[in-house]
């Protein structure tokens, strides 16, 4: 990463960390603030948090990877998530995920080189009554099919 970007993140981190007392209990709220600011948690931010809270990097990494809210990679402009919870899975969400990965040439947790799309999976979005579902950012698409997915992606590609 460019040193100028690292310095900018360090400046931003100072502002975020100054809000919190040096207390390990503040780790999740701090991570939440960083996730909100950047859309992911950059490694340089993790290092700054580690130094500030005197918490090992491994522990910070463990928290980030445990909670699905946090991510180590930037998300695309359009983050598409397919529910693989029981109701969705039984009703065919795996086929939707397979089509999504094939269509975008991406694996789960990855973002396209142009930064436009990213793919995630989730275990439940609480929309079992309209299963299967996928989401694009915060919009839920119920009674999903491969055809519906293709229509949504076509629309997003046109929007830019």
N, C-alpha and C. Protein backbone atom coordinates (compact mmCIF):
# COMPACT_ATOMS: atom_id res chain seq x y z
N UNK A 1 0.85 -1.18 0.00
CA UNK A 1 0.00 0.00 0.00
C UNK A 1 0.89 1.24 0.00
N UNK A 2 0.47 2.28 -0.65
CA UNK A 2 1.21 3.53 -0.75
C UNK A 2 1.39 4.15 0.64
N UNK A 3 2.58 4.67 0.89
CA UNK A 3 2.87 5.27 2.19
C UNK A 3 1.93 6.43 2.49
N UNK A 4 1.53 7.17 1.44
CA UNK A 4 0.63 8.31 1.67
C UNK A 4 -0.75 7.82 2.14
N UNK A 5 -1.19 6.66 1.63
CA UNK A 5 -2.47 6.09 2.07
C UNK A 5 -2.33 5.62 3.51
N UNK A 6 -1.22 4.95 3.82
CA UNK A 6 -0.98 4.50 5.20
C UNK A 6 -1.02 5.67 6.16
N UNK A 7 -0.38 6.78 5.78
CA UNK A 7 -0.36 7.97 6.65
C UNK A 7 -1.75 8.55 6.84
N UNK A 8 -2.56 8.54 5.79
CA UNK A 8 -3.93 9.04 5.88
C UNK A 8 -4.74 8.16 6.83
N UNK A 9 -4.59 6.85 6.70
CA UNK A 9 -5.31 5.93 7.59
C UNK A 9 -4.85 6.14 9.03
N UNK A 10 -3.55 6.32 9.24
CA UNK A 10 -3.04 6.57 10.60
C UNK A 10 -3.66 7.85 11.18
N UNK A 11 -3.78 8.89 10.37
CA UNK A 11 -4.41 10.14 10.83
C UNK A 11 -5.87 9.89 11.19
N UNK A 12 -6.57 9.17 10.32
CA UNK A 12 -7.98 8.85 10.58
C UNK A 12 -8.11 8.01 11.85
N UNK A 13 -7.21 7.07 12.03
CA UNK A 13 -7.26 6.19 13.19
C UNK A 13 -7.04 6.97 14.48
N UNK A 14 -6.17 7.95 14.45
CA UNK A 14 -5.95 8.77 15.64
C UNK A 14 -7.26 9.43 16.06
N UNK A 15 -8.01 9.95 15.08
CA UNK A 15 -9.30 10.59 15.38
C UNK A 15 -10.30 9.57 15.94
N UNK A 16 -10.34 8.39 15.36
CA UNK A 16 -11.27 7.36 15.84
C UNK A 16 -10.87 6.91 17.24
N UNK A 17 -9.59 6.63 17.44
CA UNK A 17 -9.13 6.10 18.73
C UNK A 17 -9.25 7.12 19.86
N UNK A 18 -9.09 8.41 19.54
CA UNK A 18 -9.18 9.46 20.56
C UNK A 18 -10.55 9.48 21.24
N UNK A 19 -11.56 8.93 20.60
CA UNK A 19 -12.92 8.90 21.16
C UNK A 19 -13.04 7.85 22.27
N UNK A 20 -12.13 6.87 22.25
CA UNK A 20 -12.24 5.72 23.15
C UNK A 20 -11.15 5.69 24.20
N UNK A 21 -11.53 5.22 25.39
CA UNK A 21 -10.55 4.96 26.44
C UNK A 21 -9.73 3.74 26.04
N UNK A 22 -8.52 3.66 26.57
CA UNK A 22 -7.67 2.49 26.34
C UNK A 22 -8.23 1.36 27.19
N UNK A 23 -9.11 0.59 26.58
CA UNK A 23 -9.79 -0.51 27.26
C UNK A 23 -10.15 -1.55 26.21
N UNK A 24 -9.72 -2.77 26.45
CA UNK A 24 -9.97 -3.87 25.51
C UNK A 24 -11.46 -4.01 25.17
N UNK A 25 -12.32 -3.61 26.08
CA UNK A 25 -13.77 -3.68 25.87
C UNK A 25 -14.21 -2.80 24.70
N UNK A 26 -13.37 -1.87 24.29
CA UNK A 26 -13.72 -0.96 23.19
C UNK A 26 -13.33 -1.50 21.82
N UNK A 27 -12.78 -2.71 21.77
CA UNK A 27 -12.31 -3.26 20.50
C UNK A 27 -13.43 -3.32 19.45
N UNK A 28 -14.56 -3.90 19.79
CA UNK A 28 -15.63 -4.04 18.80
C UNK A 28 -16.19 -2.68 18.37
N UNK A 29 -16.46 -1.75 19.28
CA UNK A 29 -16.93 -0.44 18.82
C UNK A 29 -15.91 0.27 17.91
N UNK A 30 -14.63 0.12 18.21
CA UNK A 30 -13.59 0.72 17.36
C UNK A 30 -13.60 0.06 15.98
N UNK A 31 -13.64 -1.28 15.96
CA UNK A 31 -13.69 -1.98 14.68
C UNK A 31 -14.92 -1.55 13.88
N UNK A 32 -16.02 -1.38 14.57
CA UNK A 32 -17.24 -0.94 13.90
C UNK A 32 -17.05 0.43 13.25
N UNK A 33 -16.42 1.35 13.95
CA UNK A 33 -16.17 2.69 13.40
C UNK A 33 -15.26 2.61 12.16
N UNK A 34 -14.25 1.76 12.23
CA UNK A 34 -13.33 1.61 11.10
C UNK A 34 -14.06 0.99 9.91
N UNK A 35 -14.87 -0.04 10.17
CA UNK A 35 -15.65 -0.69 9.11
C UNK A 35 -16.57 0.34 8.45
N UNK A 36 -17.22 1.17 9.26
CA UNK A 36 -18.10 2.21 8.71
C UNK A 36 -17.33 3.20 7.83
N UNK A 37 -16.15 3.57 8.27
CA UNK A 37 -15.37 4.57 7.55
C UNK A 37 -14.85 4.05 6.21
N UNK A 38 -14.31 2.84 6.21
CA UNK A 38 -13.62 2.33 5.02
C UNK A 38 -14.38 1.25 4.25
N UNK A 39 -15.39 0.66 4.87
CA UNK A 39 -16.09 -0.45 4.23
C UNK A 39 -15.37 -1.77 4.44
N UNK A 40 -14.26 -1.74 5.12
CA UNK A 40 -13.47 -2.91 5.51
C UNK A 40 -12.49 -2.45 6.57
N UNK A 41 -11.68 -3.37 7.09
CA UNK A 41 -10.73 -2.99 8.13
C UNK A 41 -9.31 -3.21 7.61
N UNK A 42 -8.69 -2.13 7.15
CA UNK A 42 -7.32 -2.24 6.59
C UNK A 42 -6.32 -2.73 7.63
N UNK A 43 -5.27 -3.39 7.16
CA UNK A 43 -4.25 -3.93 8.06
C UNK A 43 -3.58 -2.82 8.88
N UNK A 44 -3.33 -1.69 8.27
CA UNK A 44 -2.69 -0.59 9.02
C UNK A 44 -3.58 -0.13 10.16
N UNK A 45 -4.91 -0.17 9.97
CA UNK A 45 -5.84 0.19 11.03
C UNK A 45 -5.77 -0.85 12.16
N UNK A 46 -5.66 -2.12 11.78
CA UNK A 46 -5.53 -3.18 12.79
C UNK A 46 -4.27 -2.96 13.64
N UNK A 47 -3.17 -2.60 12.97
CA UNK A 47 -1.92 -2.34 13.69
C UNK A 47 -2.07 -1.18 14.67
N UNK A 48 -2.74 -0.13 14.24
CA UNK A 48 -2.93 1.04 15.11
C UNK A 48 -3.81 0.67 16.31
N UNK A 49 -4.85 -0.11 16.08
CA UNK A 49 -5.73 -0.56 17.17
C UNK A 49 -4.94 -1.43 18.14
N UNK A 50 -4.12 -2.33 17.60
CA UNK A 50 -3.31 -3.22 18.42
C UNK A 50 -2.40 -2.42 19.34
N UNK A 51 -1.73 -1.42 18.79
CA UNK A 51 -0.83 -0.59 19.60
C UNK A 51 -1.62 0.19 20.66
N UNK A 52 -2.74 0.77 20.26
CA UNK A 52 -3.52 1.62 21.15
C UNK A 52 -4.10 0.83 22.32
N UNK A 53 -4.71 -0.32 22.02
CA UNK A 53 -5.36 -1.11 23.07
C UNK A 53 -4.44 -2.14 23.72
N UNK A 54 -3.22 -2.27 23.18
CA UNK A 54 -2.28 -3.28 23.65
C UNK A 54 -2.92 -4.68 23.57
N UNK A 55 -3.51 -4.95 22.39
CA UNK A 55 -4.15 -6.23 22.10
C UNK A 55 -3.39 -6.86 20.95
N UNK A 56 -3.04 -8.14 21.04
CA UNK A 56 -2.29 -8.78 19.96
C UNK A 56 -3.06 -8.75 18.63
N UNK A 57 -2.31 -8.63 17.55
CA UNK A 57 -2.91 -8.64 16.20
C UNK A 57 -3.74 -9.90 15.98
N UNK A 58 -3.27 -11.03 16.48
CA UNK A 58 -4.00 -12.29 16.30
C UNK A 58 -5.40 -12.21 16.91
N UNK A 59 -5.52 -11.56 18.03
CA UNK A 59 -6.82 -11.42 18.69
C UNK A 59 -7.73 -10.50 17.88
N UNK A 60 -7.17 -9.44 17.36
CA UNK A 60 -7.96 -8.53 16.52
C UNK A 60 -8.43 -9.26 15.27
N UNK A 61 -7.53 -10.00 14.65
CA UNK A 61 -7.88 -10.78 13.46
C UNK A 61 -8.99 -11.78 13.80
N UNK A 62 -8.90 -12.41 14.95
CA UNK A 62 -9.90 -13.37 15.38
C UNK A 62 -11.28 -12.74 15.51
N UNK A 63 -11.33 -11.55 16.07
CA UNK A 63 -12.61 -10.85 16.22
C UNK A 63 -13.16 -10.46 14.85
N UNK A 64 -12.31 -9.93 13.99
CA UNK A 64 -12.75 -9.51 12.66
C UNK A 64 -13.32 -10.69 11.88
N UNK A 65 -12.64 -11.82 11.94
CA UNK A 65 -13.08 -12.97 11.15
C UNK A 65 -14.24 -13.72 11.80
N UNK A 66 -14.46 -13.52 13.09
CA UNK A 66 -15.58 -14.17 13.77
C UNK A 66 -16.91 -13.50 13.41
N UNK A 67 -16.93 -12.19 13.40
CA UNK A 67 -18.17 -11.45 13.15
C UNK A 67 -18.32 -11.15 11.66
N UNK A 68 -19.46 -11.57 11.10
CA UNK A 68 -19.68 -11.37 9.67
C UNK A 68 -19.82 -9.89 9.31
N UNK A 69 -20.06 -9.05 10.26
CA UNK A 69 -20.18 -7.60 10.03
C UNK A 69 -18.86 -7.01 9.53
N UNK A 70 -17.75 -7.60 10.00
CA UNK A 70 -16.44 -7.07 9.66
C UNK A 70 -15.84 -7.80 8.46
N UNK A 71 -15.03 -7.08 7.70
CA UNK A 71 -14.38 -7.69 6.55
C UNK A 71 -12.96 -7.17 6.41
N UNK A 72 -12.11 -8.00 5.86
CA UNK A 72 -10.70 -7.65 5.65
C UNK A 72 -10.45 -7.12 4.25
N UNK A 73 -11.44 -7.22 3.38
CA UNK A 73 -11.30 -6.74 2.00
C UNK A 73 -12.38 -5.71 1.70
N UNK A 74 -12.05 -4.72 0.87
CA UNK A 74 -13.08 -3.77 0.47
C UNK A 74 -14.19 -4.48 -0.29
N UNK A 75 -15.41 -4.03 -0.09
CA UNK A 75 -16.55 -4.56 -0.81
C UNK A 75 -16.76 -3.76 -2.09
N UNK A 76 -17.42 -4.38 -3.05
CA UNK A 76 -17.72 -3.71 -4.30
C UNK A 76 -18.83 -2.69 -4.12
N UNK A 77 -19.00 -1.88 -5.13
CA UNK A 77 -20.11 -0.92 -5.14
C UNK A 77 -21.41 -1.66 -4.92
N UNK A 78 -21.50 -2.85 -5.52
CA UNK A 78 -22.67 -3.71 -5.35
C UNK A 78 -22.22 -4.99 -4.64
N UNK A 79 -22.53 -5.09 -3.35
CA UNK A 79 -22.19 -6.29 -2.60
C UNK A 79 -23.39 -7.23 -2.66
N UNK A 80 -23.22 -8.34 -3.37
CA UNK A 80 -24.31 -9.30 -3.55
C UNK A 80 -24.08 -10.46 -2.60
N UNK A 81 -25.09 -10.72 -1.77
CA UNK A 81 -24.99 -11.78 -0.78
C UNK A 81 -26.14 -12.76 -0.98
N UNK A 82 -25.81 -14.03 -1.04
CA UNK A 82 -26.81 -15.08 -1.20
C UNK A 82 -27.01 -15.78 0.13
N UNK A 83 -28.26 -15.93 0.53
CA UNK A 83 -28.57 -16.62 1.78
C UNK A 83 -28.47 -18.12 1.56
N UNK A 84 -27.72 -18.77 2.44
CA UNK A 84 -27.58 -20.22 2.41
C UNK A 84 -28.18 -20.85 3.67
N UNK A 85 -29.06 -20.10 4.35
CA UNK A 85 -29.77 -20.65 5.50
C UNK A 85 -30.65 -21.81 5.05
N UNK A 86 -31.17 -22.55 5.99
CA UNK A 86 -31.89 -23.78 5.67
C UNK A 86 -33.04 -23.55 4.68
N UNK A 87 -33.93 -22.60 4.96
CA UNK A 87 -35.08 -22.37 4.07
C UNK A 87 -34.63 -21.99 2.67
N UNK A 88 -33.65 -21.12 2.57
CA UNK A 88 -33.17 -20.69 1.26
C UNK A 88 -32.45 -21.82 0.54
N UNK A 89 -31.64 -22.55 1.28
CA UNK A 89 -30.87 -23.63 0.67
C UNK A 89 -31.81 -24.70 0.10
N UNK A 90 -32.82 -25.08 0.88
CA UNK A 90 -33.78 -26.09 0.44
C UNK A 90 -34.52 -25.64 -0.82
N UNK A 91 -34.70 -24.33 -0.94
CA UNK A 91 -35.45 -23.80 -2.09
C UNK A 91 -34.55 -23.38 -3.25
N UNK A 92 -33.26 -23.72 -3.20
CA UNK A 92 -32.42 -23.54 -4.37
C UNK A 92 -31.41 -22.42 -4.37
N UNK A 93 -31.05 -21.91 -3.20
CA UNK A 93 -30.11 -20.79 -3.19
C UNK A 93 -28.71 -21.17 -3.68
N UNK A 94 -28.33 -22.44 -3.55
CA UNK A 94 -27.01 -22.85 -4.03
C UNK A 94 -26.88 -22.63 -5.53
N UNK A 95 -27.93 -22.89 -6.28
CA UNK A 95 -27.91 -22.67 -7.73
C UNK A 95 -27.74 -21.17 -8.04
N UNK A 96 -28.34 -20.34 -7.22
CA UNK A 96 -28.21 -18.89 -7.40
C UNK A 96 -26.77 -18.46 -7.13
N UNK A 97 -26.19 -18.99 -6.06
CA UNK A 97 -24.80 -18.67 -5.74
C UNK A 97 -23.87 -19.17 -6.85
N UNK A 98 -24.09 -20.38 -7.31
CA UNK A 98 -23.25 -20.93 -8.39
C UNK A 98 -23.32 -20.05 -9.64
N UNK A 99 -24.51 -19.61 -9.99
CA UNK A 99 -24.68 -18.75 -11.17
C UNK A 99 -23.98 -17.41 -10.95
N UNK A 100 -24.11 -16.86 -9.76
CA UNK A 100 -23.48 -15.58 -9.44
C UNK A 100 -21.97 -15.67 -9.59
N UNK A 101 -21.38 -16.71 -9.02
CA UNK A 101 -19.94 -16.89 -9.10
C UNK A 101 -19.49 -17.08 -10.56
N UNK A 102 -20.25 -17.84 -11.31
CA UNK A 102 -19.92 -18.08 -12.71
C UNK A 102 -20.07 -16.80 -13.53
N UNK A 103 -21.15 -16.10 -13.31
CA UNK A 103 -21.42 -14.89 -14.09
C UNK A 103 -20.38 -13.80 -13.83
N UNK A 104 -20.02 -13.61 -12.56
CA UNK A 104 -19.08 -12.54 -12.21
C UNK A 104 -17.62 -13.00 -12.20
N UNK A 105 -17.40 -14.30 -12.36
CA UNK A 105 -16.05 -14.88 -12.32
C UNK A 105 -15.34 -14.50 -11.02
N UNK A 106 -16.08 -14.66 -9.92
CA UNK A 106 -15.57 -14.34 -8.59
C UNK A 106 -15.90 -15.46 -7.62
N UNK A 107 -15.11 -15.56 -6.58
CA UNK A 107 -15.40 -16.48 -5.49
C UNK A 107 -15.99 -15.69 -4.33
N UNK A 108 -16.58 -16.41 -3.38
CA UNK A 108 -17.13 -15.78 -2.18
C UNK A 108 -16.05 -14.96 -1.48
N UNK A 109 -16.44 -13.82 -0.97
CA UNK A 109 -15.52 -12.98 -0.23
C UNK A 109 -14.60 -12.14 -1.10
N UNK A 110 -14.76 -12.22 -2.39
CA UNK A 110 -13.89 -11.48 -3.31
C UNK A 110 -14.63 -10.32 -3.97
N UNK A 111 -13.84 -9.38 -4.46
CA UNK A 111 -14.36 -8.20 -5.13
C UNK A 111 -13.75 -8.13 -6.52
N UNK A 112 -14.57 -7.72 -7.49
CA UNK A 112 -14.09 -7.62 -8.87
C UNK A 112 -12.99 -6.57 -8.96
N UNK A 113 -12.10 -6.74 -9.93
CA UNK A 113 -10.95 -5.83 -10.09
C UNK A 113 -11.39 -4.39 -10.28
N UNK A 114 -12.55 -4.20 -10.93
CA UNK A 114 -13.04 -2.83 -11.16
C UNK A 114 -13.75 -2.26 -9.93
N UNK A 115 -13.88 -3.06 -8.87
CA UNK A 115 -14.51 -2.59 -7.64
C UNK A 115 -16.02 -2.50 -7.71
N UNK A 116 -16.60 -3.05 -8.75
CA UNK A 116 -18.05 -2.92 -8.95
C UNK A 116 -18.85 -3.95 -8.16
N UNK A 117 -18.38 -5.20 -8.15
CA UNK A 117 -19.15 -6.27 -7.52
C UNK A 117 -18.32 -7.02 -6.48
N UNK A 118 -19.01 -7.49 -5.44
CA UNK A 118 -18.41 -8.44 -4.51
C UNK A 118 -19.48 -9.47 -4.16
N UNK A 119 -19.00 -10.64 -3.78
CA UNK A 119 -19.90 -11.75 -3.46
C UNK A 119 -19.68 -12.19 -2.02
N UNK A 120 -20.80 -12.39 -1.32
CA UNK A 120 -20.78 -12.93 0.03
C UNK A 120 -21.89 -13.95 0.17
N UNK A 121 -21.83 -14.72 1.22
CA UNK A 121 -22.95 -15.58 1.59
C UNK A 121 -23.32 -15.25 3.02
N UNK A 122 -24.54 -15.58 3.36
CA UNK A 122 -25.01 -15.38 4.71
C UNK A 122 -25.81 -16.61 5.12
N UNK A 123 -26.03 -16.77 6.37
CA UNK A 123 -26.80 -17.94 6.84
C UNK A 123 -28.27 -17.63 7.01
N UNK A 124 -28.65 -16.40 7.23
CA UNK A 124 -30.07 -16.06 7.33
C UNK A 124 -30.22 -14.55 7.35
N UNK A 125 -31.17 -14.06 6.56
CA UNK A 125 -31.47 -12.63 6.58
C UNK A 125 -32.85 -12.38 7.19
N UNK A 126 -33.47 -13.44 7.70
CA UNK A 126 -34.77 -13.29 8.34
C UNK A 126 -35.92 -13.14 7.36
N UNK A 127 -35.73 -13.63 6.15
CA UNK A 127 -36.77 -13.52 5.12
C UNK A 127 -37.15 -14.91 4.62
N UNK A 128 -37.27 -15.85 5.54
CA UNK A 128 -37.52 -17.25 5.17
C UNK A 128 -38.84 -17.42 4.42
N UNK A 129 -39.79 -16.57 4.68
CA UNK A 129 -41.10 -16.65 4.02
C UNK A 129 -41.03 -16.36 2.53
N UNK A 130 -39.97 -15.71 2.08
CA UNK A 130 -39.83 -15.40 0.65
C UNK A 130 -38.58 -16.07 0.07
N UNK A 131 -38.16 -17.16 0.72
CA UNK A 131 -36.96 -17.89 0.30
C UNK A 131 -37.15 -18.46 -1.10
N UNK A 132 -36.03 -18.58 -1.84
CA UNK A 132 -34.68 -18.16 -1.50
C UNK A 132 -34.50 -16.66 -1.73
N UNK A 133 -33.53 -16.09 -1.03
CA UNK A 133 -33.28 -14.66 -1.17
C UNK A 133 -31.81 -14.38 -1.43
N UNK A 134 -31.58 -13.24 -2.09
CA UNK A 134 -30.24 -12.67 -2.18
C UNK A 134 -30.41 -11.18 -1.95
N UNK A 135 -29.34 -10.54 -1.56
CA UNK A 135 -29.39 -9.10 -1.34
C UNK A 135 -28.34 -8.41 -2.20
N UNK A 136 -28.65 -7.19 -2.56
CA UNK A 136 -27.68 -6.31 -3.18
C UNK A 136 -27.62 -5.09 -2.27
N UNK A 137 -26.48 -4.93 -1.61
CA UNK A 137 -26.32 -3.94 -0.56
C UNK A 137 -27.43 -4.18 0.47
N UNK A 138 -28.36 -3.28 0.65
CA UNK A 138 -29.40 -3.48 1.66
C UNK A 138 -30.74 -3.89 1.07
N UNK A 139 -30.81 -4.10 -0.23
CA UNK A 139 -32.08 -4.47 -0.87
C UNK A 139 -32.21 -5.99 -0.96
N UNK A 140 -33.35 -6.49 -0.49
CA UNK A 140 -33.60 -7.93 -0.47
C UNK A 140 -34.43 -8.32 -1.70
N UNK A 141 -33.99 -9.38 -2.37
CA UNK A 141 -34.72 -9.94 -3.51
C UNK A 141 -35.22 -11.32 -3.11
N UNK A 142 -36.55 -11.45 -2.94
CA UNK A 142 -37.14 -12.69 -2.52
C UNK A 142 -37.67 -13.52 -3.67
N UNK A 143 -38.05 -14.75 -3.36
CA UNK A 143 -38.50 -15.71 -4.38
C UNK A 143 -37.51 -15.71 -5.54
N UNK A 144 -36.25 -15.69 -5.18
CA UNK A 144 -35.17 -15.54 -6.16
C UNK A 144 -35.03 -16.76 -7.06
N UNK A 145 -34.62 -16.47 -8.27
CA UNK A 145 -34.31 -17.50 -9.26
C UNK A 145 -33.03 -17.08 -9.95
N UNK A 146 -32.44 -17.98 -10.70
CA UNK A 146 -31.25 -17.65 -11.49
C UNK A 146 -31.62 -16.55 -12.49
N UNK A 147 -32.81 -16.65 -13.08
CA UNK A 147 -33.27 -15.65 -14.04
C UNK A 147 -33.37 -14.26 -13.39
N UNK A 148 -33.95 -14.22 -12.18
CA UNK A 148 -34.07 -12.94 -11.47
C UNK A 148 -32.70 -12.36 -11.16
N UNK A 149 -31.77 -13.22 -10.74
CA UNK A 149 -30.40 -12.78 -10.48
C UNK A 149 -29.79 -12.15 -11.73
N UNK A 150 -29.92 -12.84 -12.85
CA UNK A 150 -29.38 -12.32 -14.12
C UNK A 150 -29.99 -10.97 -14.47
N UNK A 151 -31.28 -10.81 -14.26
CA UNK A 151 -31.96 -9.54 -14.55
C UNK A 151 -31.40 -8.41 -13.67
N UNK A 152 -31.21 -8.72 -12.40
CA UNK A 152 -30.68 -7.71 -11.46
C UNK A 152 -29.25 -7.33 -11.87
N UNK A 153 -28.42 -8.31 -12.18
CA UNK A 153 -27.04 -8.02 -12.57
C UNK A 153 -27.01 -7.23 -13.88
N UNK A 154 -27.86 -7.59 -14.84
CA UNK A 154 -27.95 -6.82 -16.09
C UNK A 154 -28.22 -5.36 -15.80
N UNK A 155 -29.18 -5.11 -14.90
CA UNK A 155 -29.56 -3.74 -14.54
C UNK A 155 -28.39 -3.02 -13.88
N UNK A 156 -27.71 -3.69 -12.96
CA UNK A 156 -26.59 -3.07 -12.25
C UNK A 156 -25.44 -2.75 -13.20
N UNK A 157 -25.18 -3.63 -14.16
CA UNK A 157 -24.11 -3.40 -15.13
C UNK A 157 -24.42 -2.18 -16.00
N UNK A 158 -25.67 -1.98 -16.31
CA UNK A 158 -26.07 -0.81 -17.12
C UNK A 158 -25.95 0.48 -16.33
N UNK A 159 -26.25 0.40 -15.01
CA UNK A 159 -26.17 1.58 -14.16
C UNK A 159 -24.74 2.07 -13.99
N UNK A 160 -23.81 1.17 -14.10
CA UNK A 160 -22.40 1.57 -13.95
C UNK A 160 -22.00 1.51 -12.59
